[in-house]
Amino acid sequence: MTHRNPVTSRRSLLAAGGLALTAVTLGLSGCAQEDALAQQAKAGDNKNYVAGDGSVTEFAAGDRKSAIQVNGTLFNGTTVAPADFQGGVTVLNFWFAACAPCRVEAPILEELHQEFKDQGVQFYGVNLRDEKATAEAFEKTFNLTYPSFDDKDGGVLLAVSGLVPPGAVPTTLVLDKQGRVASRVLGEVQKGTLKALIAAAVAE
């Protein structure tokens, strides 16, 4: 019995910013269960894990669930409501300061924030653990100019329950102009991949 091993071809697709991955991934990534993902990749069991990229899931427009209902407060004191996710594309990145992959991807997220902000794309971090001083030190270290939610109470995480597994940090969601989840990256993002996912949502 022959098992397909799609890892190599998927790695090239993601490196090119390809948008061909559609199956729902079952793995966690980044700081959560890196060893389990490595085993999954070696097994070649078709769960969309690509070493070094994070697993990507896209949702066709007709298959997307209702707009997410996020009510939360940013570290700067600003409150955010569901209406704030309507009319433009939004990127939500779940992170905390001690997460190594979060540190690697932070400059990439800021670069893409700068690249897409004139197209109406808004970026929000969602910090799950840190006190304000720790989060602000992280943002200063990596020159992040987009704001983050103080989500120690788990309110934002609860609003995306079923899409962001607890403990799967980092995770990045791209929301369409109606506030629905258009795509998800579990684990560390690659710039070309996330750029392609954002561009696809902007073009809709």
N, C-alpha and C. Protein backbone atom coordinates (compact mmCIF):
# COMPACT_ATOMS: atom_id res chain seq x y z
N MET A 1 0.84 -1.19 0.00
CA MET A 1 0.00 0.00 0.00
C MET A 1 0.88 1.24 0.00
N THR A 2 0.63 2.14 -0.92
CA THR A 2 1.48 3.32 -1.08
C THR A 2 0.83 4.52 -0.41
N HIS A 3 1.62 5.28 0.33
CA HIS A 3 1.12 6.49 0.98
C HIS A 3 1.65 7.70 0.23
N ARG A 4 0.75 8.66 -0.02
CA ARG A 4 1.21 9.89 -0.66
C ARG A 4 2.02 10.72 0.32
N ASN A 5 3.06 11.33 -0.16
CA ASN A 5 3.81 12.26 0.69
C ASN A 5 3.83 13.63 0.00
N PRO A 6 2.89 14.50 0.39
CA PRO A 6 2.75 15.77 -0.31
C PRO A 6 3.63 16.87 0.23
N VAL A 7 4.50 16.55 1.19
CA VAL A 7 5.21 17.62 1.88
C VAL A 7 6.06 18.44 0.93
N THR A 8 6.83 17.75 0.05
CA THR A 8 7.74 18.47 -0.83
C THR A 8 7.00 19.42 -1.75
N SER A 9 5.94 18.92 -2.42
CA SER A 9 5.22 19.77 -3.35
C SER A 9 4.54 20.92 -2.63
N ARG A 10 4.04 20.67 -1.45
CA ARG A 10 3.39 21.75 -0.70
C ARG A 10 4.39 22.80 -0.27
N ARG A 11 5.61 22.35 0.08
CA ARG A 11 6.61 23.33 0.47
C ARG A 11 6.88 24.30 -0.67
N SER A 12 6.94 23.76 -1.93
CA SER A 12 7.20 24.66 -3.04
C SER A 12 6.03 25.60 -3.31
N LEU A 13 4.83 25.07 -3.14
CA LEU A 13 3.65 25.92 -3.34
C LEU A 13 3.64 27.07 -2.35
N LEU A 14 3.94 26.76 -1.07
CA LEU A 14 3.91 27.82 -0.07
C LEU A 14 5.04 28.80 -0.30
N ALA A 15 6.19 28.30 -0.68
CA ALA A 15 7.32 29.19 -0.91
C ALA A 15 6.97 30.19 -2.01
N ALA A 16 6.12 29.77 -2.96
CA ALA A 16 5.72 30.67 -4.04
C ALA A 16 4.50 31.48 -3.66
N GLY A 17 4.05 31.35 -2.44
CA GLY A 17 2.85 32.06 -2.04
C GLY A 17 1.61 31.42 -2.64
N GLY A 18 1.67 30.12 -2.90
CA GLY A 18 0.55 29.44 -3.54
C GLY A 18 -0.67 29.40 -2.65
N LEU A 19 -1.86 29.28 -3.27
CA LEU A 19 -3.11 29.30 -2.53
C LEU A 19 -3.88 28.02 -2.76
N ALA A 20 -3.15 26.89 -2.83
CA ALA A 20 -3.82 25.65 -3.21
C ALA A 20 -4.19 24.76 -2.04
N LEU A 21 -3.87 25.16 -0.83
CA LEU A 21 -4.14 24.28 0.30
C LEU A 21 -5.52 24.56 0.87
N THR A 22 -6.37 23.54 0.90
CA THR A 22 -7.74 23.78 1.35
C THR A 22 -8.19 22.87 2.47
N ALA A 23 -7.55 21.75 2.65
CA ALA A 23 -8.02 20.80 3.66
C ALA A 23 -7.80 21.34 5.06
N VAL A 24 -8.70 21.00 5.96
CA VAL A 24 -8.57 21.47 7.34
C VAL A 24 -7.45 20.72 8.02
N THR A 25 -6.56 21.45 8.66
CA THR A 25 -5.45 20.81 9.34
C THR A 25 -5.84 20.44 10.76
N LEU A 26 -5.27 19.37 11.23
CA LEU A 26 -5.57 18.92 12.58
C LEU A 26 -4.44 19.20 13.55
N GLY A 27 -3.28 19.67 13.03
CA GLY A 27 -2.13 19.83 13.90
C GLY A 27 -2.07 21.17 14.59
N LEU A 28 -1.35 21.22 15.72
CA LEU A 28 -1.01 22.48 16.35
C LEU A 28 0.43 22.79 15.98
N SER A 29 0.84 24.05 16.21
CA SER A 29 2.18 24.40 15.76
C SER A 29 2.86 25.33 16.73
N GLY A 30 4.04 25.85 16.28
CA GLY A 30 4.75 26.85 17.04
C GLY A 30 5.09 26.36 18.42
N CYS A 31 4.68 27.15 19.43
CA CYS A 31 5.03 26.85 20.81
C CYS A 31 4.18 25.72 21.37
N ALA A 32 3.19 25.27 20.62
CA ALA A 32 2.25 24.30 21.18
C ALA A 32 2.79 22.88 21.13
N GLN A 33 2.84 22.30 19.93
CA GLN A 33 3.23 20.90 19.84
C GLN A 33 4.17 20.69 18.64
N GLU A 34 5.31 21.33 18.70
CA GLU A 34 6.23 21.29 17.57
C GLU A 34 6.68 19.87 17.26
N ASP A 35 6.96 19.06 18.30
CA ASP A 35 7.44 17.71 18.06
C ASP A 35 6.36 16.86 17.38
N ALA A 36 5.11 17.04 17.80
CA ALA A 36 4.02 16.29 17.19
C ALA A 36 3.89 16.64 15.72
N LEU A 37 4.09 17.91 15.40
CA LEU A 37 3.99 18.32 14.00
C LEU A 37 5.13 17.76 13.18
N ALA A 38 6.31 17.73 13.77
CA ALA A 38 7.45 17.16 13.04
C ALA A 38 7.18 15.69 12.71
N GLN A 39 6.62 14.97 13.67
CA GLN A 39 6.28 13.56 13.43
C GLN A 39 5.22 13.44 12.34
N GLN A 40 4.26 14.37 12.38
CA GLN A 40 3.19 14.35 11.39
C GLN A 40 3.75 14.56 9.99
N ALA A 41 4.70 15.49 9.86
CA ALA A 41 5.29 15.76 8.56
C ALA A 41 6.03 14.54 8.02
N LYS A 42 6.78 13.89 8.90
CA LYS A 42 7.54 12.71 8.48
C LYS A 42 6.60 11.57 8.09
N ALA A 43 5.44 11.53 8.74
CA ALA A 43 4.49 10.45 8.44
C ALA A 43 3.84 10.66 7.07
N GLY A 44 3.83 11.91 6.59
CA GLY A 44 3.21 12.17 5.30
C GLY A 44 1.73 11.83 5.30
N ASP A 45 1.03 12.14 6.40
CA ASP A 45 -0.34 11.67 6.52
C ASP A 45 -1.37 12.71 6.09
N ASN A 46 -0.99 13.61 5.20
CA ASN A 46 -1.95 14.49 4.53
C ASN A 46 -2.65 15.44 5.47
N LYS A 47 -1.94 15.95 6.49
CA LYS A 47 -2.57 16.89 7.41
C LYS A 47 -2.08 18.32 7.16
N ASN A 48 -1.47 18.56 6.01
CA ASN A 48 -1.09 19.91 5.59
C ASN A 48 -0.01 20.57 6.44
N TYR A 49 0.79 19.80 7.15
CA TYR A 49 1.92 20.41 7.84
C TYR A 49 3.08 20.51 6.86
N VAL A 50 3.65 21.69 6.76
CA VAL A 50 4.83 21.90 5.93
C VAL A 50 5.93 22.45 6.82
N ALA A 51 7.02 21.72 6.93
CA ALA A 51 8.09 22.11 7.85
C ALA A 51 8.56 23.52 7.56
N GLY A 52 8.61 24.33 8.60
CA GLY A 52 9.12 25.68 8.46
C GLY A 52 8.11 26.70 8.02
N ASP A 53 6.90 26.29 7.65
CA ASP A 53 5.92 27.23 7.15
C ASP A 53 4.69 27.38 8.02
N GLY A 54 4.30 26.37 8.73
CA GLY A 54 3.01 26.40 9.40
C GLY A 54 1.95 25.85 8.46
N SER A 55 0.92 25.28 9.01
CA SER A 55 -0.11 24.67 8.19
C SER A 55 -1.16 25.70 7.80
N VAL A 56 -1.55 25.69 6.55
CA VAL A 56 -2.44 26.71 5.98
C VAL A 56 -3.80 26.10 5.66
N THR A 57 -4.87 26.80 6.05
CA THR A 57 -6.21 26.40 5.69
C THR A 57 -6.91 27.58 5.06
N GLU A 58 -7.50 27.37 3.90
CA GLU A 58 -8.31 28.40 3.27
C GLU A 58 -9.77 27.97 3.26
N PHE A 59 -10.65 28.95 3.38
CA PHE A 59 -12.08 28.68 3.39
C PHE A 59 -12.71 29.39 2.20
N ALA A 60 -13.32 28.62 1.30
CA ALA A 60 -14.00 29.22 0.15
C ALA A 60 -15.11 30.13 0.66
N ALA A 61 -15.41 31.20 -0.09
CA ALA A 61 -16.38 32.20 0.36
C ALA A 61 -17.71 31.55 0.75
N GLY A 62 -18.15 30.56 -0.01
CA GLY A 62 -19.43 29.93 0.26
C GLY A 62 -19.43 29.04 1.49
N ASP A 63 -18.24 28.70 1.97
CA ASP A 63 -18.13 27.79 3.12
C ASP A 63 -17.82 28.52 4.43
N ARG A 64 -17.65 29.83 4.36
CA ARG A 64 -17.27 30.58 5.56
C ARG A 64 -18.45 30.72 6.51
N LYS A 65 -18.11 30.67 7.80
CA LYS A 65 -19.14 30.83 8.82
C LYS A 65 -19.45 32.31 9.01
N SER A 66 -20.32 32.61 9.95
CA SER A 66 -20.70 34.01 10.20
C SER A 66 -19.49 34.83 10.64
N ALA A 67 -19.65 36.14 10.54
CA ALA A 67 -18.59 37.05 10.99
C ALA A 67 -18.28 36.79 12.46
N ILE A 68 -17.01 36.88 12.81
CA ILE A 68 -16.63 36.66 14.20
C ILE A 68 -17.13 37.83 15.05
N GLN A 69 -17.50 37.54 16.28
CA GLN A 69 -18.06 38.55 17.18
C GLN A 69 -17.04 38.87 18.27
N VAL A 70 -16.11 39.73 17.93
CA VAL A 70 -15.05 40.10 18.86
C VAL A 70 -15.39 41.39 19.58
N ASN A 71 -15.42 41.33 20.89
CA ASN A 71 -15.49 42.51 21.73
C ASN A 71 -14.28 42.45 22.67
N GLY A 72 -13.39 43.40 22.53
CA GLY A 72 -12.18 43.34 23.34
C GLY A 72 -11.56 44.71 23.53
N THR A 73 -10.51 44.75 24.32
CA THR A 73 -9.82 46.01 24.61
C THR A 73 -8.35 45.86 24.26
N LEU A 74 -7.84 46.86 23.55
CA LEU A 74 -6.43 46.87 23.18
C LEU A 74 -5.60 47.35 24.38
N PHE A 75 -4.30 47.06 24.34
CA PHE A 75 -3.43 47.52 25.42
C PHE A 75 -3.43 49.05 25.55
N ASN A 76 -3.75 49.75 24.45
CA ASN A 76 -3.79 51.22 24.53
C ASN A 76 -5.11 51.74 25.06
N GLY A 77 -6.01 50.83 25.45
CA GLY A 77 -7.27 51.24 26.05
C GLY A 77 -8.44 51.33 25.09
N THR A 78 -8.18 51.25 23.79
CA THR A 78 -9.24 51.32 22.79
C THR A 78 -10.09 50.06 22.83
N THR A 79 -11.40 50.22 22.75
CA THR A 79 -12.29 49.06 22.68
C THR A 79 -12.58 48.76 21.22
N VAL A 80 -12.72 47.48 20.91
CA VAL A 80 -12.97 47.01 19.55
C VAL A 80 -14.23 46.17 19.57
N ALA A 81 -15.13 46.43 18.61
CA ALA A 81 -16.41 45.73 18.53
C ALA A 81 -16.53 45.04 17.17
N PRO A 82 -17.51 44.14 17.01
CA PRO A 82 -17.67 43.43 15.74
C PRO A 82 -17.77 44.34 14.53
N ALA A 83 -18.38 45.51 14.69
CA ALA A 83 -18.54 46.43 13.55
C ALA A 83 -17.19 46.88 12.99
N ASP A 84 -16.15 46.85 13.83
CA ASP A 84 -14.82 47.29 13.39
C ASP A 84 -14.17 46.34 12.40
N PHE A 85 -14.77 45.16 12.22
CA PHE A 85 -14.22 44.18 11.28
C PHE A 85 -14.99 44.16 9.96
N GLN A 86 -15.89 45.11 9.78
CA GLN A 86 -16.70 45.17 8.57
C GLN A 86 -16.11 46.17 7.58
N GLY A 87 -16.10 45.80 6.31
CA GLY A 87 -15.72 46.73 5.25
C GLY A 87 -14.28 46.67 4.80
N GLY A 88 -13.43 45.99 5.55
CA GLY A 88 -12.03 45.86 5.15
C GLY A 88 -11.47 44.54 5.64
N VAL A 89 -10.34 44.16 5.08
CA VAL A 89 -9.68 42.91 5.48
C VAL A 89 -8.96 43.13 6.80
N THR A 90 -9.00 42.13 7.68
CA THR A 90 -8.34 42.20 8.99
C THR A 90 -7.43 41.00 9.17
N VAL A 91 -6.26 41.24 9.74
CA VAL A 91 -5.34 40.16 10.10
C VAL A 91 -5.26 40.12 11.62
N LEU A 92 -5.53 38.94 12.21
CA LEU A 92 -5.42 38.73 13.65
C LEU A 92 -4.27 37.76 13.90
N ASN A 93 -3.31 38.17 14.72
CA ASN A 93 -2.17 37.31 15.04
C ASN A 93 -2.15 37.05 16.54
N PHE A 94 -2.25 35.78 16.92
CA PHE A 94 -2.26 35.37 18.33
C PHE A 94 -0.82 35.11 18.77
N TRP A 95 -0.41 35.75 19.87
CA TRP A 95 1.00 35.69 20.26
C TRP A 95 1.17 35.91 21.76
N PHE A 96 2.38 35.64 22.23
CA PHE A 96 2.84 36.12 23.54
C PHE A 96 4.35 36.23 23.47
N ALA A 97 4.93 37.03 24.35
CA ALA A 97 6.31 37.47 24.20
C ALA A 97 7.34 36.34 24.29
N ALA A 98 7.07 35.31 25.09
CA ALA A 98 8.06 34.25 25.29
C ALA A 98 8.01 33.19 24.20
N CYS A 99 7.13 33.33 23.25
CA CYS A 99 6.97 32.35 22.17
C CYS A 99 8.02 32.62 21.08
N ALA A 100 8.94 31.68 20.90
CA ALA A 100 10.04 31.89 19.95
C ALA A 100 9.56 32.14 18.51
N PRO A 101 8.63 31.35 17.96
CA PRO A 101 8.17 31.63 16.60
C PRO A 101 7.49 32.99 16.49
N CYS A 102 6.87 33.46 17.57
CA CYS A 102 6.24 34.79 17.55
C CYS A 102 7.29 35.87 17.32
N ARG A 103 8.46 35.67 17.89
CA ARG A 103 9.54 36.64 17.74
C ARG A 103 10.09 36.62 16.32
N VAL A 104 10.14 35.44 15.74
CA VAL A 104 10.66 35.32 14.37
C VAL A 104 9.72 36.00 13.37
N GLU A 105 8.41 35.83 13.57
CA GLU A 105 7.47 36.33 12.58
C GLU A 105 7.07 37.80 12.80
N ALA A 106 7.39 38.38 13.96
CA ALA A 106 6.98 39.75 14.25
C ALA A 106 7.42 40.75 13.18
N PRO A 107 8.69 40.73 12.73
CA PRO A 107 9.09 41.69 11.68
C PRO A 107 8.32 41.48 10.37
N ILE A 108 7.99 40.24 10.07
CA ILE A 108 7.23 39.94 8.85
C ILE A 108 5.84 40.56 8.93
N LEU A 109 5.19 40.40 10.08
CA LEU A 109 3.86 40.97 10.26
C LEU A 109 3.90 42.49 10.13
N GLU A 110 4.90 43.12 10.70
CA GLU A 110 5.01 44.58 10.59
C GLU A 110 5.25 45.00 9.14
N GLU A 111 6.09 44.27 8.42
CA GLU A 111 6.33 44.60 7.01
C GLU A 111 5.04 44.51 6.20
N LEU A 112 4.26 43.47 6.43
CA LEU A 112 3.01 43.31 5.69
C LEU A 112 1.98 44.34 6.12
N HIS A 113 1.99 44.71 7.39
CA HIS A 113 1.12 45.78 7.88
C HIS A 113 1.41 47.07 7.10
N GLN A 114 2.68 47.41 6.97
CA GLN A 114 3.06 48.62 6.24
C GLN A 114 2.68 48.52 4.76
N GLU A 115 2.85 47.32 4.21
CA GLU A 115 2.58 47.13 2.78
C GLU A 115 1.09 47.24 2.45
N PHE A 116 0.24 46.77 3.34
CA PHE A 116 -1.19 46.67 3.03
C PHE A 116 -2.07 47.73 3.69
N LYS A 117 -1.52 48.56 4.58
CA LYS A 117 -2.40 49.47 5.32
C LYS A 117 -3.09 50.48 4.41
N ASP A 118 -2.44 50.86 3.32
CA ASP A 118 -3.07 51.81 2.39
C ASP A 118 -4.18 51.17 1.57
N GLN A 119 -4.29 49.83 1.66
CA GLN A 119 -5.38 49.13 0.98
C GLN A 119 -6.52 48.80 1.96
N GLY A 120 -6.46 49.43 3.13
CA GLY A 120 -7.54 49.25 4.09
C GLY A 120 -7.43 48.01 4.94
N VAL A 121 -6.27 47.35 4.92
CA VAL A 121 -6.08 46.14 5.73
C VAL A 121 -5.63 46.55 7.13
N GLN A 122 -6.32 46.07 8.14
CA GLN A 122 -5.93 46.37 9.51
C GLN A 122 -5.34 45.13 10.18
N PHE A 123 -4.32 45.34 10.98
CA PHE A 123 -3.65 44.27 11.72
C PHE A 123 -3.93 44.47 13.20
N TYR A 124 -4.21 43.35 13.90
CA TYR A 124 -4.30 43.34 15.35
C TYR A 124 -3.52 42.15 15.88
N GLY A 125 -2.72 42.37 16.90
CA GLY A 125 -2.19 41.26 17.66
C GLY A 125 -3.22 40.86 18.71
N VAL A 126 -3.16 39.61 19.14
CA VAL A 126 -4.01 39.14 20.24
C VAL A 126 -3.07 38.48 21.24
N ASN A 127 -2.77 39.20 22.32
CA ASN A 127 -1.83 38.70 23.30
C ASN A 127 -2.56 37.91 24.37
N LEU A 128 -2.18 36.67 24.55
CA LEU A 128 -2.93 35.75 25.39
C LEU A 128 -2.40 35.64 26.82
N ARG A 129 -1.22 36.17 27.11
CA ARG A 129 -0.61 35.90 28.42
C ARG A 129 0.00 37.09 29.13
N ASP A 130 0.51 38.05 28.38
CA ASP A 130 1.45 39.01 28.97
C ASP A 130 0.76 40.19 29.65
N GLU A 131 1.45 40.72 30.66
CA GLU A 131 1.06 42.00 31.24
C GLU A 131 1.42 43.10 30.24
N LYS A 132 0.83 44.27 30.44
CA LYS A 132 1.01 45.37 29.49
C LYS A 132 2.48 45.71 29.27
N ALA A 133 3.26 45.78 30.34
CA ALA A 133 4.67 46.18 30.22
C ALA A 133 5.45 45.18 29.36
N THR A 134 5.17 43.89 29.53
CA THR A 134 5.86 42.86 28.75
C THR A 134 5.47 42.95 27.28
N ALA A 135 4.18 43.12 27.03
CA ALA A 135 3.71 43.22 25.64
C ALA A 135 4.29 44.46 24.97
N GLU A 136 4.32 45.58 25.68
CA GLU A 136 4.84 46.81 25.09
C GLU A 136 6.35 46.72 24.84
N ALA A 137 7.07 46.01 25.70
CA ALA A 137 8.51 45.82 25.48
C ALA A 137 8.75 45.01 24.20
N PHE A 138 7.92 43.98 24.00
CA PHE A 138 8.01 43.17 22.79
C PHE A 138 7.75 44.04 21.55
N GLU A 139 6.69 44.83 21.62
CA GLU A 139 6.33 45.68 20.48
C GLU A 139 7.43 46.69 20.17
N LYS A 140 8.06 47.23 21.22
CA LYS A 140 9.15 48.19 21.02
C LYS A 140 10.37 47.51 20.41
N THR A 141 10.68 46.31 20.89
CA THR A 141 11.83 45.57 20.37
C THR A 141 11.71 45.34 18.87
N PHE A 142 10.51 45.02 18.42
CA PHE A 142 10.32 44.69 17.00
C PHE A 142 9.66 45.81 16.21
N ASN A 143 9.59 47.01 16.82
CA ASN A 143 9.06 48.19 16.14
C ASN A 143 7.66 47.95 15.54
N LEU A 144 6.81 47.27 16.31
CA LEU A 144 5.46 47.00 15.83
C LEU A 144 4.60 48.25 15.98
N THR A 145 3.91 48.62 14.91
CA THR A 145 3.09 49.83 14.94
C THR A 145 1.59 49.51 14.97
N TYR A 146 1.23 48.25 14.81
CA TYR A 146 -0.19 47.89 14.92
C TYR A 146 -0.49 47.48 16.37
N PRO A 147 -1.73 47.65 16.83
CA PRO A 147 -2.06 47.41 18.24
C PRO A 147 -2.34 45.94 18.54
N SER A 148 -2.35 45.62 19.81
CA SER A 148 -2.69 44.26 20.25
C SER A 148 -3.78 44.29 21.31
N PHE A 149 -4.62 43.25 21.27
CA PHE A 149 -5.60 43.03 22.32
C PHE A 149 -4.91 42.49 23.57
N ASP A 150 -5.37 42.96 24.72
CA ASP A 150 -5.03 42.34 25.99
C ASP A 150 -6.07 41.24 26.21
N ASP A 151 -5.70 40.00 25.89
CA ASP A 151 -6.69 38.92 25.89
C ASP A 151 -6.39 37.86 26.96
N LYS A 152 -5.88 38.30 28.10
CA LYS A 152 -5.62 37.33 29.16
C LYS A 152 -6.90 36.66 29.65
N ASP A 153 -8.04 37.35 29.48
CA ASP A 153 -9.32 36.74 29.88
C ASP A 153 -9.88 35.80 28.82
N GLY A 154 -9.22 35.74 27.65
CA GLY A 154 -9.61 34.78 26.62
C GLY A 154 -10.84 35.15 25.82
N GLY A 155 -11.29 36.40 25.89
CA GLY A 155 -12.50 36.80 25.18
C GLY A 155 -12.37 36.71 23.67
N VAL A 156 -11.26 37.19 23.12
CA VAL A 156 -11.06 37.14 21.67
C VAL A 156 -10.87 35.69 21.24
N LEU A 157 -10.09 34.94 22.02
CA LEU A 157 -9.87 33.52 21.71
C LEU A 157 -11.20 32.76 21.68
N LEU A 158 -12.08 33.07 22.62
CA LEU A 158 -13.38 32.41 22.66
C LEU A 158 -14.21 32.74 21.43
N ALA A 159 -14.08 33.97 20.93
CA ALA A 159 -14.86 34.39 19.76
C ALA A 159 -14.46 33.61 18.51
N VAL A 160 -13.26 33.04 18.50
CA VAL A 160 -12.82 32.26 17.34
C VAL A 160 -12.66 30.79 17.72
N SER A 161 -13.40 30.37 18.72
CA SER A 161 -13.35 28.98 19.17
C SER A 161 -13.64 28.04 18.00
N GLY A 162 -12.82 27.00 17.89
CA GLY A 162 -12.96 26.06 16.78
C GLY A 162 -12.06 26.40 15.61
N LEU A 163 -11.56 27.64 15.57
CA LEU A 163 -10.65 28.06 14.51
C LEU A 163 -9.23 28.22 15.02
N VAL A 164 -9.11 28.62 16.29
CA VAL A 164 -7.79 28.76 16.90
C VAL A 164 -7.73 27.82 18.10
N PRO A 165 -7.08 26.68 17.97
CA PRO A 165 -7.00 25.73 19.09
C PRO A 165 -6.29 26.37 20.28
N PRO A 166 -6.80 26.17 21.48
CA PRO A 166 -6.12 26.71 22.67
C PRO A 166 -4.67 26.23 22.72
N GLY A 167 -3.76 27.14 22.94
CA GLY A 167 -2.36 26.77 23.02
C GLY A 167 -1.64 26.76 21.69
N ALA A 168 -2.36 26.93 20.58
CA ALA A 168 -1.71 26.93 19.26
C ALA A 168 -1.23 28.34 18.95
N VAL A 169 -0.05 28.65 19.46
CA VAL A 169 0.51 29.99 19.30
C VAL A 169 1.89 29.86 18.66
N PRO A 170 2.18 30.62 17.62
CA PRO A 170 1.32 31.63 17.01
C PRO A 170 0.28 31.02 16.06
N THR A 171 -0.82 31.73 15.92
CA THR A 171 -1.82 31.45 14.90
C THR A 171 -2.20 32.78 14.28
N THR A 172 -2.40 32.79 12.96
CA THR A 172 -2.79 34.02 12.26
C THR A 172 -4.04 33.76 11.44
N LEU A 173 -5.03 34.64 11.59
CA LEU A 173 -6.27 34.56 10.82
C LEU A 173 -6.35 35.76 9.88
N VAL A 174 -6.84 35.52 8.67
CA VAL A 174 -7.16 36.61 7.74
C VAL A 174 -8.69 36.64 7.62
N LEU A 175 -9.28 37.77 7.97
CA LEU A 175 -10.73 37.94 7.89
C LEU A 175 -11.09 38.68 6.61
N ASP A 176 -12.17 38.26 5.97
CA ASP A 176 -12.62 38.96 4.76
C ASP A 176 -13.33 40.26 5.13
N LYS A 177 -13.85 40.95 4.13
CA LYS A 177 -14.44 42.28 4.35
C LYS A 177 -15.76 42.21 5.10
N GLN A 178 -16.26 41.00 5.30
CA GLN A 178 -17.47 40.83 6.10
C GLN A 178 -17.15 40.33 7.52
N GLY A 179 -15.86 40.26 7.84
CA GLY A 179 -15.47 39.82 9.17
C GLY A 179 -15.47 38.31 9.35
N ARG A 180 -15.51 37.56 8.24
CA ARG A 180 -15.49 36.10 8.32
C ARG A 180 -14.07 35.60 8.10
N VAL A 181 -13.74 34.44 8.67
CA VAL A 181 -12.39 33.90 8.52
C VAL A 181 -12.22 33.34 7.11
N ALA A 182 -11.30 33.95 6.35
CA ALA A 182 -11.02 33.52 4.99
C ALA A 182 -9.87 32.52 4.92
N SER A 183 -8.92 32.66 5.86
CA SER A 183 -7.78 31.74 5.87
C SER A 183 -7.12 31.77 7.23
N ARG A 184 -6.31 30.74 7.47
CA ARG A 184 -5.66 30.57 8.77
C ARG A 184 -4.29 29.94 8.59
N VAL A 185 -3.33 30.42 9.36
CA VAL A 185 -2.01 29.80 9.42
C VAL A 185 -1.77 29.38 10.87
N LEU A 186 -1.60 28.08 11.08
CA LEU A 186 -1.26 27.57 12.40
C LEU A 186 0.26 27.45 12.46
N GLY A 187 0.87 28.25 13.32
CA GLY A 187 2.32 28.22 13.40
C GLY A 187 2.93 29.45 12.76
N GLU A 188 4.24 29.43 12.67
CA GLU A 188 4.99 30.58 12.17
C GLU A 188 4.66 30.87 10.71
N VAL A 189 4.37 32.13 10.41
CA VAL A 189 4.02 32.50 9.04
C VAL A 189 5.27 32.68 8.19
N GLN A 190 5.11 32.46 6.91
CA GLN A 190 6.11 32.83 5.91
C GLN A 190 5.56 34.04 5.17
N LYS A 191 6.40 35.01 4.87
CA LYS A 191 5.93 36.27 4.31
C LYS A 191 5.16 36.08 3.00
N GLY A 192 5.74 35.27 2.09
CA GLY A 192 5.08 35.09 0.79
C GLY A 192 3.71 34.46 0.91
N THR A 193 3.59 33.51 1.83
CA THR A 193 2.32 32.83 2.03
C THR A 193 1.27 33.79 2.58
N LEU A 194 1.61 34.49 3.65
CA LEU A 194 0.63 35.39 4.26
C LEU A 194 0.28 36.55 3.31
N LYS A 195 1.27 37.05 2.60
CA LYS A 195 1.01 38.12 1.63
C LYS A 195 -0.01 37.67 0.59
N ALA A 196 0.14 36.45 0.10
CA ALA A 196 -0.79 35.92 -0.90
C ALA A 196 -2.20 35.76 -0.32
N LEU A 197 -2.29 35.31 0.93
CA LEU A 197 -3.58 35.13 1.57
C LEU A 197 -4.29 36.47 1.77
N ILE A 198 -3.53 37.48 2.19
CA ILE A 198 -4.11 38.82 2.37
C ILE A 198 -4.55 39.38 1.03
N ALA A 199 -3.68 39.27 0.03
CA ALA A 199 -4.00 39.81 -1.30
C ALA A 199 -5.26 39.18 -1.86
N ALA A 200 -5.43 37.87 -1.63
CA ALA A 200 -6.62 37.19 -2.12
C ALA A 200 -7.87 37.75 -1.45
N ALA A 201 -7.80 38.02 -0.15
CA ALA A 201 -8.95 38.56 0.57
C ALA A 201 -9.25 40.00 0.13
N VAL A 202 -8.20 40.77 -0.12
CA VAL A 202 -8.39 42.14 -0.59
C VAL A 202 -9.07 42.17 -1.96
N ALA A 203 -8.71 41.20 -2.80
CA ALA A 203 -9.22 41.17 -4.18
C ALA A 203 -10.68 40.73 -4.27
N GLU A 204 -11.23 40.15 -3.23
CA GLU A 204 -12.60 39.65 -3.26
C GLU A 204 -13.60 40.82 -3.36
